[in-house]
Amino acid sequence: MPLTDSKIRATKPSPTPFKLTASHGLYLLVSPGGSRLWYLKYHFDRKEYSARWIREPYRRIRSDICIKLRYLRPVNGLPG
């Protein structure tokens, strides 16, 4: 099931941080304090990294990042 704006807004913080996964390594980290940060998990040189993208607003971030990934993957030799 895709990650939607309504699902993100309905999510309540818990005592431990947790992830809401979107797609292609993109996830939203919800902290105990209630802050929400977008991260992108990627691999480089056989190591896993994660890059913090941006805080809110939620609605367009996922679609904007997926569009950018669509163009970056062929350029960097990554599978589409």
N, C-alpha and C. Protein backbone atom coordinates (compact mmCIF):
# COMPACT_ATOMS: atom_id res chain seq x y z
N MET A 1 0.85 -1.17 0.00
CA MET A 1 0.00 0.00 0.00
C MET A 1 0.90 1.24 0.00
N PRO A 2 0.64 2.21 -0.88
CA PRO A 2 1.49 3.40 -0.94
C PRO A 2 1.31 4.30 0.28
N LEU A 3 2.33 5.04 0.56
CA LEU A 3 2.31 5.99 1.66
C LEU A 3 1.58 7.25 1.20
N THR A 4 0.49 7.58 1.85
CA THR A 4 -0.32 8.72 1.44
C THR A 4 -0.24 9.84 2.46
N ASP A 5 -0.68 11.02 2.05
CA ASP A 5 -0.69 12.18 2.93
C ASP A 5 -1.57 11.92 4.15
N SER A 6 -2.72 11.32 3.96
CA SER A 6 -3.63 11.07 5.09
C SER A 6 -3.03 10.06 6.07
N LYS A 7 -2.31 9.07 5.57
CA LYS A 7 -1.67 8.10 6.45
C LYS A 7 -0.57 8.76 7.28
N ILE A 8 0.18 9.67 6.66
CA ILE A 8 1.24 10.37 7.38
C ILE A 8 0.65 11.27 8.45
N ARG A 9 -0.39 12.00 8.12
CA ARG A 9 -1.01 12.91 9.09
C ARG A 9 -1.66 12.15 10.25
N ALA A 10 -2.16 10.94 9.99
CA ALA A 10 -2.82 10.15 11.03
C ALA A 10 -1.83 9.44 11.96
N THR A 11 -0.56 9.39 11.58
CA THR A 11 0.44 8.69 12.38
C THR A 11 0.77 9.47 13.64
N LYS A 12 0.72 8.79 14.77
CA LYS A 12 1.05 9.39 16.06
C LYS A 12 2.43 8.93 16.50
N PRO A 13 3.18 9.79 17.21
CA PRO A 13 4.50 9.39 17.70
C PRO A 13 4.40 8.26 18.72
N SER A 14 5.45 7.46 18.80
CA SER A 14 5.52 6.38 19.79
C SER A 14 6.77 6.61 20.64
N PRO A 15 6.96 5.84 21.71
CA PRO A 15 8.14 6.03 22.57
C PRO A 15 9.47 5.80 21.85
N THR A 16 9.46 5.02 20.77
CA THR A 16 10.69 4.79 20.01
C THR A 16 10.49 5.30 18.58
N PRO A 17 11.57 5.75 17.92
CA PRO A 17 11.43 6.20 16.53
C PRO A 17 11.04 5.03 15.62
N PHE A 18 10.27 5.32 14.58
CA PHE A 18 9.89 4.27 13.63
C PHE A 18 9.83 4.85 12.23
N LYS A 19 9.86 3.96 11.23
CA LYS A 19 9.89 4.34 9.82
C LYS A 19 8.57 4.02 9.14
N LEU A 20 8.17 4.91 8.26
CA LEU A 20 7.08 4.65 7.33
C LEU A 20 7.71 4.59 5.95
N THR A 21 7.72 3.42 5.34
CA THR A 21 8.42 3.26 4.07
C THR A 21 7.52 3.67 2.91
N ALA A 22 8.13 4.29 1.91
CA ALA A 22 7.41 4.71 0.71
C ALA A 22 7.80 3.79 -0.44
N SER A 23 8.90 4.06 -1.11
CA SER A 23 9.38 3.20 -2.19
C SER A 23 10.78 3.61 -2.58
N HIS A 24 11.50 2.70 -3.25
CA HIS A 24 12.85 2.96 -3.75
C HIS A 24 13.80 3.46 -2.66
N GLY A 25 13.66 2.95 -1.44
CA GLY A 25 14.54 3.34 -0.35
C GLY A 25 14.12 4.62 0.35
N LEU A 26 13.02 5.21 -0.03
CA LEU A 26 12.54 6.44 0.58
C LEU A 26 11.67 6.09 1.79
N TYR A 27 11.95 6.74 2.93
CA TYR A 27 11.13 6.50 4.11
C TYR A 27 11.02 7.76 4.95
N LEU A 28 10.01 7.79 5.79
CA LEU A 28 9.75 8.90 6.69
C LEU A 28 10.04 8.41 8.10
N LEU A 29 10.94 9.08 8.80
CA LEU A 29 11.28 8.71 10.16
C LEU A 29 10.47 9.58 11.11
N VAL A 30 9.67 8.95 11.97
CA VAL A 30 8.85 9.65 12.94
C VAL A 30 9.51 9.49 14.30
N SER A 31 9.89 10.61 14.91
CA SER A 31 10.60 10.56 16.19
C SER A 31 9.61 10.60 17.35
N PRO A 32 10.05 10.25 18.57
CA PRO A 32 9.15 10.28 19.73
C PRO A 32 8.58 11.68 20.00
N GLY A 33 9.32 12.72 19.63
CA GLY A 33 8.84 14.08 19.83
C GLY A 33 7.81 14.52 18.81
N GLY A 34 7.61 13.72 17.77
CA GLY A 34 6.61 14.02 16.76
C GLY A 34 7.16 14.61 15.47
N SER A 35 8.48 14.89 15.41
CA SER A 35 9.03 15.43 14.17
C SER A 35 9.10 14.33 13.12
N ARG A 36 8.99 14.73 11.86
CA ARG A 36 9.00 13.79 10.74
C ARG A 36 10.06 14.24 9.75
N LEU A 37 10.97 13.33 9.42
CA LEU A 37 12.06 13.63 8.49
C LEU A 37 12.08 12.60 7.37
N TRP A 38 12.25 13.07 6.13
CA TRP A 38 12.37 12.17 4.99
C TRP A 38 13.82 11.75 4.83
N TYR A 39 14.04 10.46 4.59
CA TYR A 39 15.37 9.91 4.35
C TYR A 39 15.34 9.07 3.08
N LEU A 40 16.48 8.99 2.44
CA LEU A 40 16.63 8.13 1.27
C LEU A 40 17.78 7.17 1.55
N LYS A 41 17.49 5.88 1.53
CA LYS A 41 18.51 4.85 1.75
C LYS A 41 19.08 4.47 0.39
N TYR A 42 20.43 4.45 0.31
CA TYR A 42 21.07 4.10 -0.95
C TYR A 42 22.35 3.33 -0.68
N HIS A 43 22.87 2.69 -1.70
CA HIS A 43 24.11 1.91 -1.59
C HIS A 43 25.16 2.52 -2.50
N PHE A 44 26.37 2.61 -1.97
CA PHE A 44 27.50 3.09 -2.75
C PHE A 44 28.73 2.33 -2.30
N ASP A 45 29.43 1.76 -3.25
CA ASP A 45 30.65 1.02 -2.96
C ASP A 45 30.40 -0.09 -1.93
N ARG A 46 29.28 -0.80 -2.13
CA ARG A 46 28.86 -1.93 -1.29
C ARG A 46 28.58 -1.55 0.16
N LYS A 47 28.32 -0.30 0.43
CA LYS A 47 27.96 0.15 1.77
C LYS A 47 26.61 0.84 1.70
N GLU A 48 25.86 0.72 2.78
CA GLU A 48 24.54 1.33 2.83
C GLU A 48 24.63 2.68 3.54
N TYR A 49 24.01 3.67 2.94
CA TYR A 49 23.96 5.01 3.50
C TYR A 49 22.53 5.50 3.52
N SER A 50 22.28 6.55 4.27
CA SER A 50 20.98 7.20 4.21
C SER A 50 21.20 8.71 4.22
N ALA A 51 20.48 9.39 3.37
CA ALA A 51 20.58 10.84 3.26
C ALA A 51 19.29 11.48 3.73
N ARG A 52 19.43 12.48 4.59
CA ARG A 52 18.24 13.20 5.05
C ARG A 52 17.87 14.21 3.98
N TRP A 53 16.61 14.23 3.60
CA TRP A 53 16.17 15.12 2.53
C TRP A 53 15.59 16.40 3.06
N ILE A 54 14.48 16.32 3.76
CA ILE A 54 13.78 17.54 4.14
C ILE A 54 12.74 17.21 5.20
N ARG A 55 12.32 18.21 5.92
CA ARG A 55 11.22 18.02 6.85
C ARG A 55 9.91 18.11 6.09
N GLU A 56 8.89 18.62 6.69
CA GLU A 56 7.59 18.72 6.05
C GLU A 56 7.62 19.79 4.97
N PRO A 57 6.70 19.99 4.13
CA PRO A 57 5.39 19.37 4.00
C PRO A 57 5.48 17.98 3.38
N TYR A 58 4.50 17.17 3.67
CA TYR A 58 4.57 15.76 3.27
C TYR A 58 4.10 15.53 1.84
N ARG A 59 3.12 16.25 1.42
CA ARG A 59 2.34 15.88 0.24
C ARG A 59 3.19 15.71 -1.03
N ARG A 60 4.02 16.68 -1.36
CA ARG A 60 4.71 16.62 -2.64
C ARG A 60 6.11 16.04 -2.54
N ILE A 61 6.64 15.87 -1.35
CA ILE A 61 8.02 15.43 -1.20
C ILE A 61 8.23 14.07 -1.86
N ARG A 62 7.38 13.11 -1.57
CA ARG A 62 7.57 11.76 -2.10
C ARG A 62 7.54 11.76 -3.62
N SER A 63 6.58 12.45 -4.21
CA SER A 63 6.49 12.45 -5.67
C SER A 63 7.66 13.20 -6.29
N ASP A 64 8.10 14.29 -5.67
CA ASP A 64 9.25 15.04 -6.20
C ASP A 64 10.52 14.20 -6.17
N ILE A 65 10.75 13.48 -5.08
CA ILE A 65 11.96 12.66 -4.96
C ILE A 65 11.90 11.49 -5.94
N CYS A 66 10.74 10.87 -6.11
CA CYS A 66 10.62 9.76 -7.05
C CYS A 66 10.87 10.22 -8.48
N ILE A 67 10.42 11.42 -8.82
CA ILE A 67 10.68 11.96 -10.16
C ILE A 67 12.17 12.19 -10.34
N LYS A 68 12.85 12.74 -9.34
CA LYS A 68 14.29 12.96 -9.43
C LYS A 68 15.04 11.64 -9.56
N LEU A 69 14.61 10.64 -8.80
CA LEU A 69 15.27 9.33 -8.87
C LEU A 69 15.11 8.71 -10.26
N ARG A 70 13.97 8.91 -10.87
CA ARG A 70 13.72 8.35 -12.19
C ARG A 70 14.75 8.88 -13.21
N TYR A 71 15.14 10.14 -13.06
CA TYR A 71 16.12 10.72 -13.98
C TYR A 71 17.55 10.44 -13.56
N LEU A 72 17.81 10.29 -12.27
CA LEU A 72 19.18 10.07 -11.80
C LEU A 72 19.65 8.64 -12.01
N ARG A 73 18.76 7.67 -11.92
CA ARG A 73 19.17 6.27 -12.03
C ARG A 73 19.86 5.94 -13.35
N PRO A 74 19.29 6.29 -14.51
CA PRO A 74 19.99 5.95 -15.76
C PRO A 74 21.33 6.69 -15.90
N VAL A 75 21.41 7.91 -15.39
CA VAL A 75 22.65 8.69 -15.51
C VAL A 75 23.76 8.05 -14.70
N ASN A 76 23.44 7.55 -13.52
CA ASN A 76 24.44 6.97 -12.63
C ASN A 76 24.62 5.47 -12.84
N GLY A 77 23.98 4.89 -13.85
CA GLY A 77 24.13 3.48 -14.14
C GLY A 77 23.35 2.57 -13.21
N LEU A 78 22.37 3.10 -12.51
CA LEU A 78 21.56 2.30 -11.61
C LEU A 78 20.39 1.71 -12.37
N PRO A 79 19.91 0.55 -11.95
CA PRO A 79 18.74 -0.03 -12.63
C PRO A 79 17.52 0.84 -12.42
N GLY A 80 16.69 0.94 -13.44
CA GLY A 80 15.49 1.78 -13.38
C GLY A 80 14.43 1.13 -12.60
